[in-house]
Protein backbone atom coordinates (compact mmCIF):
# COMPACT_ATOMS: atom_id res chain seq x y z
CA MET A 1 -145.36 45.51 -4.99
CA LYS A 2 -143.01 47.00 -2.44
CA TYR A 3 -145.99 47.98 -0.27
CA VAL A 4 -147.18 44.37 -0.27
CA THR A 5 -143.68 43.24 0.69
CA ARG A 6 -143.53 45.74 3.54
CA ALA A 7 -146.98 44.69 4.75
CA LEU A 8 -145.96 41.04 4.76
CA GLU A 9 -142.74 41.88 6.59
CA GLY A 10 -144.74 43.82 9.18
CA LEU A 11 -147.21 40.97 9.68
CA TRP A 12 -144.36 38.50 10.11
CA GLY A 13 -142.70 40.85 12.63
CA LEU A 14 -145.89 40.97 14.69
CA TYR A 15 -146.18 37.19 14.48
CA PHE A 16 -142.57 36.86 15.67
CA TRP A 17 -143.30 38.97 18.76
CA LEU A 18 -146.50 37.02 19.44
CA VAL A 19 -144.56 33.73 19.35
CA PHE A 20 -141.82 35.19 21.51
CA ILE A 21 -144.27 36.50 24.13
CA VAL A 22 -146.13 33.17 24.29
CA CYS A 23 -142.86 31.28 24.80
CA VAL A 24 -141.73 33.73 27.47
CA LEU A 25 -145.04 33.41 29.32
CA ALA A 26 -144.83 29.63 29.14
CA SER A 27 -141.29 29.81 30.53
CA LEU A 28 -142.39 32.12 33.34
CA ILE A 29 -145.12 29.69 34.36
CA ALA A 30 -142.66 26.81 34.25
CA VAL A 31 -139.93 28.48 36.30
CA THR A 32 -142.54 29.57 38.86
CA PHE A 33 -144.21 26.22 39.43
CA VAL A 34 -141.94 23.43 38.12
CA PRO A 35 -139.80 21.98 40.93
CA GLY A 36 -136.13 21.25 40.38
CA LEU A 37 -133.59 23.36 38.50
CA ASP A 38 -132.86 20.63 35.94
CA ARG A 39 -136.52 20.41 34.93
CA ARG A 40 -136.82 24.20 34.67
CA VAL A 41 -133.67 24.42 32.56
CA ARG A 42 -134.89 21.73 30.16
CA PHE A 43 -138.25 23.47 29.80
CA THR A 44 -136.79 26.92 29.10
CA THR A 45 -134.32 25.39 26.63
CA ALA A 46 -137.20 23.74 24.76
CA ALA A 47 -139.26 26.97 24.85
CA SER A 48 -136.37 29.00 23.44
CA ARG A 49 -135.87 26.54 20.60
CA ALA A 50 -139.62 26.49 19.92
CA ALA A 51 -139.72 30.28 19.55
CA PHE A 52 -137.38 30.15 16.55
CA ARG A 53 -139.00 27.12 14.99
CA LEU A 54 -142.54 28.46 15.34
CA ALA A 55 -141.43 31.78 13.86
CA GLY A 56 -140.04 29.92 10.85
CA ILE A 57 -136.45 31.05 11.41
CA ALA A 58 -134.03 28.44 10.12
CA VAL A 59 -131.06 27.92 12.45
CA ASP A 60 -128.09 26.13 10.89
CA ILE A 61 -125.61 24.68 13.38
CA THR A 62 -122.20 23.37 12.40
CA GLY A 63 -119.52 21.87 14.62
CA PHE A 64 -121.90 20.59 17.28
CA ASP A 65 -119.65 17.57 17.71
CA ARG A 66 -116.84 19.91 18.76
CA LEU A 67 -118.49 20.60 22.10
CA PRO A 68 -116.49 18.77 24.77
CA SER A 69 -118.30 15.91 26.46
CA GLY A 70 -117.23 17.37 29.80
CA ASN A 71 -117.71 20.89 31.10
CA SER A 72 -116.49 23.91 29.16
CA VAL A 73 -116.81 27.67 28.71
CA VAL A 74 -118.57 28.85 25.54
CA VAL A 75 -117.78 32.37 24.31
CA ALA A 76 -119.80 33.87 21.45
CA ASN A 77 -119.90 37.13 19.54
CA HIS A 78 -122.89 39.33 20.34
CA ALA A 79 -124.84 40.75 17.42
CA SER A 80 -128.52 41.03 18.41
CA TYR A 81 -131.16 41.01 21.11
CA ILE A 82 -132.01 37.44 20.16
CA ASP A 83 -128.54 35.90 20.68
CA GLY A 84 -129.28 34.86 24.28
CA PRO A 85 -132.50 32.96 23.52
CA LEU A 86 -130.80 31.55 20.42
CA LEU A 87 -127.94 29.88 22.27
CA LYS A 88 -130.26 28.95 25.13
CA GLY A 89 -132.36 26.99 22.68
CA PHE A 90 -129.65 25.37 20.58
CA LEU A 91 -126.83 24.60 23.01
CA PRO A 92 -127.11 21.63 25.39
CA ALA A 93 -129.21 22.41 28.46
CA ARG A 94 -126.23 21.88 30.79
CA TYR A 95 -124.83 25.33 29.91
CA SER A 96 -125.58 28.18 32.32
CA PHE A 97 -125.58 31.72 30.98
CA VAL A 98 -123.60 34.56 32.52
CA ILE A 99 -125.67 37.74 32.16
CA LYS A 100 -124.76 41.39 32.72
CA GLY A 101 -125.83 42.58 36.16
CA GLU A 102 -128.08 45.34 34.80
CA MET A 103 -130.70 42.68 34.10
CA ARG A 104 -131.27 42.43 37.85
CA SER A 105 -133.13 45.75 37.62
CA ILE A 106 -135.83 44.20 35.39
CA PRO A 107 -137.77 42.07 37.91
CA VAL A 108 -139.61 39.71 35.54
CA VAL A 109 -136.54 39.10 33.36
CA HIS A 110 -134.31 38.66 36.41
CA PHE A 111 -136.74 36.15 37.90
CA LEU A 112 -136.95 34.14 34.68
CA LEU A 113 -133.19 34.07 34.13
CA ARG A 114 -132.33 33.32 37.75
CA ARG A 115 -134.87 30.51 38.05
CA SER A 116 -133.57 28.95 34.84
CA GLY A 117 -130.00 28.82 36.12
CA SER A 118 -128.39 32.00 34.77
CA ARG A 119 -125.71 33.86 36.71
CA PHE A 120 -125.15 37.60 36.85
CA VAL A 121 -122.04 39.77 36.77
CA GLU A 122 -122.12 43.42 37.82
CA ARG A 123 -120.00 45.54 35.46
CA PHE A 124 -119.96 49.01 36.97
CA THR A 125 -119.77 48.67 40.77
CA THR A 126 -116.29 47.48 41.73
CA SER A 127 -117.17 45.60 44.92
CA ALA A 128 -120.20 43.90 43.39
CA SER A 129 -118.23 43.06 40.25
CA ALA A 130 -115.48 41.40 42.30
CA ARG A 131 -118.06 39.44 44.30
CA ASP A 132 -119.88 38.21 41.19
CA ALA A 133 -116.60 37.32 39.50
CA ARG A 134 -115.63 35.16 42.50
CA HIS A 135 -118.95 33.33 42.25
CA ILE A 136 -118.42 32.69 38.54
CA VAL A 137 -114.88 31.41 39.11
CA LYS A 138 -116.18 29.12 41.88
CA ALA A 139 -118.84 27.76 39.51
CA ALA A 140 -116.14 27.04 36.94
CA ARG A 141 -113.94 25.33 39.51
CA ASP A 142 -116.93 23.23 40.53
CA GLY A 143 -117.17 22.10 36.91
CA GLN A 144 -120.24 24.03 35.75
CA SER A 145 -120.44 24.73 32.00
CA LEU A 146 -120.87 28.43 31.27
CA VAL A 147 -121.84 30.65 28.32
CA PHE A 148 -120.55 34.23 27.96
CA PHE A 149 -121.00 37.02 25.46
CA PRO A 150 -117.60 38.52 26.29
CA GLU A 151 -118.06 41.68 24.23
CA GLY A 152 -120.59 42.67 26.87
CA THR A 153 -122.83 44.51 24.38
CA PHE A 154 -123.83 44.58 20.72
CA ARG A 155 -124.06 47.19 17.99
CA ALA A 156 -126.16 47.91 14.92
CA TYR A 157 -123.13 47.61 12.64
CA GLU A 158 -120.92 44.63 11.85
CA GLY A 159 -117.75 43.83 13.75
CA VAL A 160 -116.34 42.04 16.78
CA GLY A 161 -115.14 44.10 19.73
CA ARG A 162 -112.66 43.35 22.47
CA PHE A 163 -113.46 40.37 24.68
CA ARG A 164 -113.75 41.11 28.39
CA ALA A 165 -111.66 39.05 30.76
CA GLY A 166 -114.26 37.35 32.97
CA ALA A 167 -114.97 34.28 30.83
CA PHE A 168 -111.29 33.56 30.40
CA VAL A 169 -110.38 34.03 34.05
CA ALA A 170 -113.09 31.50 34.88
CA ALA A 171 -111.79 29.09 32.22
CA THR A 172 -108.16 29.29 33.31
CA ARG A 173 -108.94 28.92 37.00
CA GLY A 174 -111.44 26.15 36.37
CA GLY A 175 -109.16 24.35 33.89
CA MET A 176 -112.03 24.19 31.40
CA PRO A 177 -111.79 24.25 27.58
CA VAL A 178 -112.89 27.47 25.88
CA VAL A 179 -115.24 26.94 22.94
CA PRO A 180 -115.52 29.95 20.58
CA VAL A 181 -118.88 30.26 18.83
CA ALA A 182 -119.62 32.47 15.82
CA ILE A 183 -123.20 33.71 15.31
CA SER A 184 -124.19 35.21 11.97
CA GLY A 185 -127.56 36.38 10.69
CA SER A 186 -129.11 37.42 14.00
CA ARG A 187 -128.16 41.06 13.49
CA ASP A 188 -130.07 41.11 10.19
CA ILE A 189 -133.17 39.79 11.93
CA LEU A 190 -133.19 42.17 14.90
CA ARG A 191 -130.38 44.68 15.15
CA ALA A 192 -129.68 47.20 17.90
CA GLY A 193 -132.03 50.18 17.94
CA THR A 194 -134.86 48.45 16.07
CA ALA A 195 -138.13 47.05 17.36
CA MET A 196 -139.50 45.20 14.34
CA PRO A 197 -137.67 42.02 13.30
CA ARG A 198 -137.06 41.00 9.69
CA PHE A 199 -137.32 37.46 8.39
CA GLY A 200 -134.04 35.65 7.89
CA ARG A 201 -131.92 32.66 8.78
CA ILE A 202 -129.19 32.23 11.37
CA SER A 203 -125.95 30.29 11.39
CA ILE A 204 -124.18 29.08 14.52
CA GLU A 205 -120.66 27.76 14.02
CA ILE A 206 -119.11 25.97 16.97
CA LEU A 207 -115.38 26.35 16.48
CA PRO A 208 -112.60 24.02 17.69
CA PRO A 209 -112.13 24.34 21.46
CA ILE A 210 -109.01 25.84 22.99
CA LEU A 211 -107.86 23.20 25.42
CA PRO A 212 -106.22 23.86 28.81
CA ASP A 213 -102.87 22.53 27.54
CA ASP A 214 -102.78 25.25 24.85
CA PRO A 215 -100.06 27.89 25.50
CA ALA A 216 -102.77 30.60 25.40
CA PHE A 217 -104.01 29.34 28.78
CA ALA A 218 -100.87 30.80 30.39
CA ASP A 219 -102.54 34.23 30.41
CA HIS A 220 -106.28 34.96 30.34
CA ARG A 221 -105.76 37.98 28.06
CA GLU A 222 -103.93 35.87 25.49
CA LEU A 223 -106.68 33.29 25.77
CA ALA A 224 -109.35 35.96 25.18
CA GLU A 225 -107.57 37.22 22.08
CA ALA A 226 -107.03 33.69 20.73
CA ALA A 227 -110.77 32.99 21.06
CA ARG A 228 -111.67 36.36 19.51
CA GLN A 229 -109.43 35.78 16.52
CA ARG A 230 -111.10 32.44 15.82
CA VAL A 231 -114.51 34.11 15.85
CA LEU A 232 -113.25 36.90 13.58
CA GLU A 233 -111.85 34.39 11.08
CA SER A 234 -115.19 32.60 10.94
CA LEU A 235 -117.31 35.74 10.51
CA ALA A 236 -115.00 37.81 8.29
CA GLU A 237 -116.33 40.96 10.01
CA PRO A 238 -114.32 44.06 10.97
CA ASP A 239 -112.02 43.90 13.98
CA LEU A 240 -113.46 46.69 16.13
CA ALA A 241 -110.78 46.33 18.78
CA ALA A 242 -108.12 47.12 16.18
CA ASP A 243 -110.22 50.12 15.12
CA GLY A 244 -110.38 51.43 18.68
CA ASP A 245 -114.04 50.50 19.11
CA GLY A 246 -113.50 47.65 21.55
CA ASN A 247 -114.50 47.16 25.18
CA HIS A 248 -112.56 47.35 28.41
CA ASP A 249 -111.87 44.40 30.72
CA TYR A 250 -114.82 43.27 32.76
């Protein structure tokens, strides 16, 4: 019986990748030929959502009504390769994603992300990092809604690491609410270091926003920790920053 189960899991994993590849190819065609950023963003948002629905992955969202009607900065824990497409598909299309600068070295991925409105932040070259950070802060001041994975990476094991400063600098300087988001279940589907996904369901909990009049906004580090604690409380996972397995600023 276990061999049948494994065979079915393997077939579903192959089907998942087939769906994912088809949706990526459709998105590439759209961002290449569809005029207008708004149209391209709406198409890639729909394609990302379709990938999960066609694969049969149930995505439960709670707290959607907590998203501010105006612009805001969403910060989410990072647990899996699929977190980016997940939030791309299930958050409103107005949110632009802030992606680590290393993705610029993958031409096809960089092209797709850039043409669908994503922004990039270099993490390891000081001058480039400062330049990208200025661009992100300017976007926030101009009122653009942004999505960050402030841990900057993800791991095969459970836990939430330290939140990097960039998202919270942008929020404080742009005067924009910070909306913590807790993702659970994506790690079980496709965790770090694995290539074959496993069937499962995902939960996205949109937590109460931290508004600019909150005392935490006085310092971006306090704001980062306030947002991180809300995510930790929702997930009930280990605090990796307290265990010394966190990340450094930026």
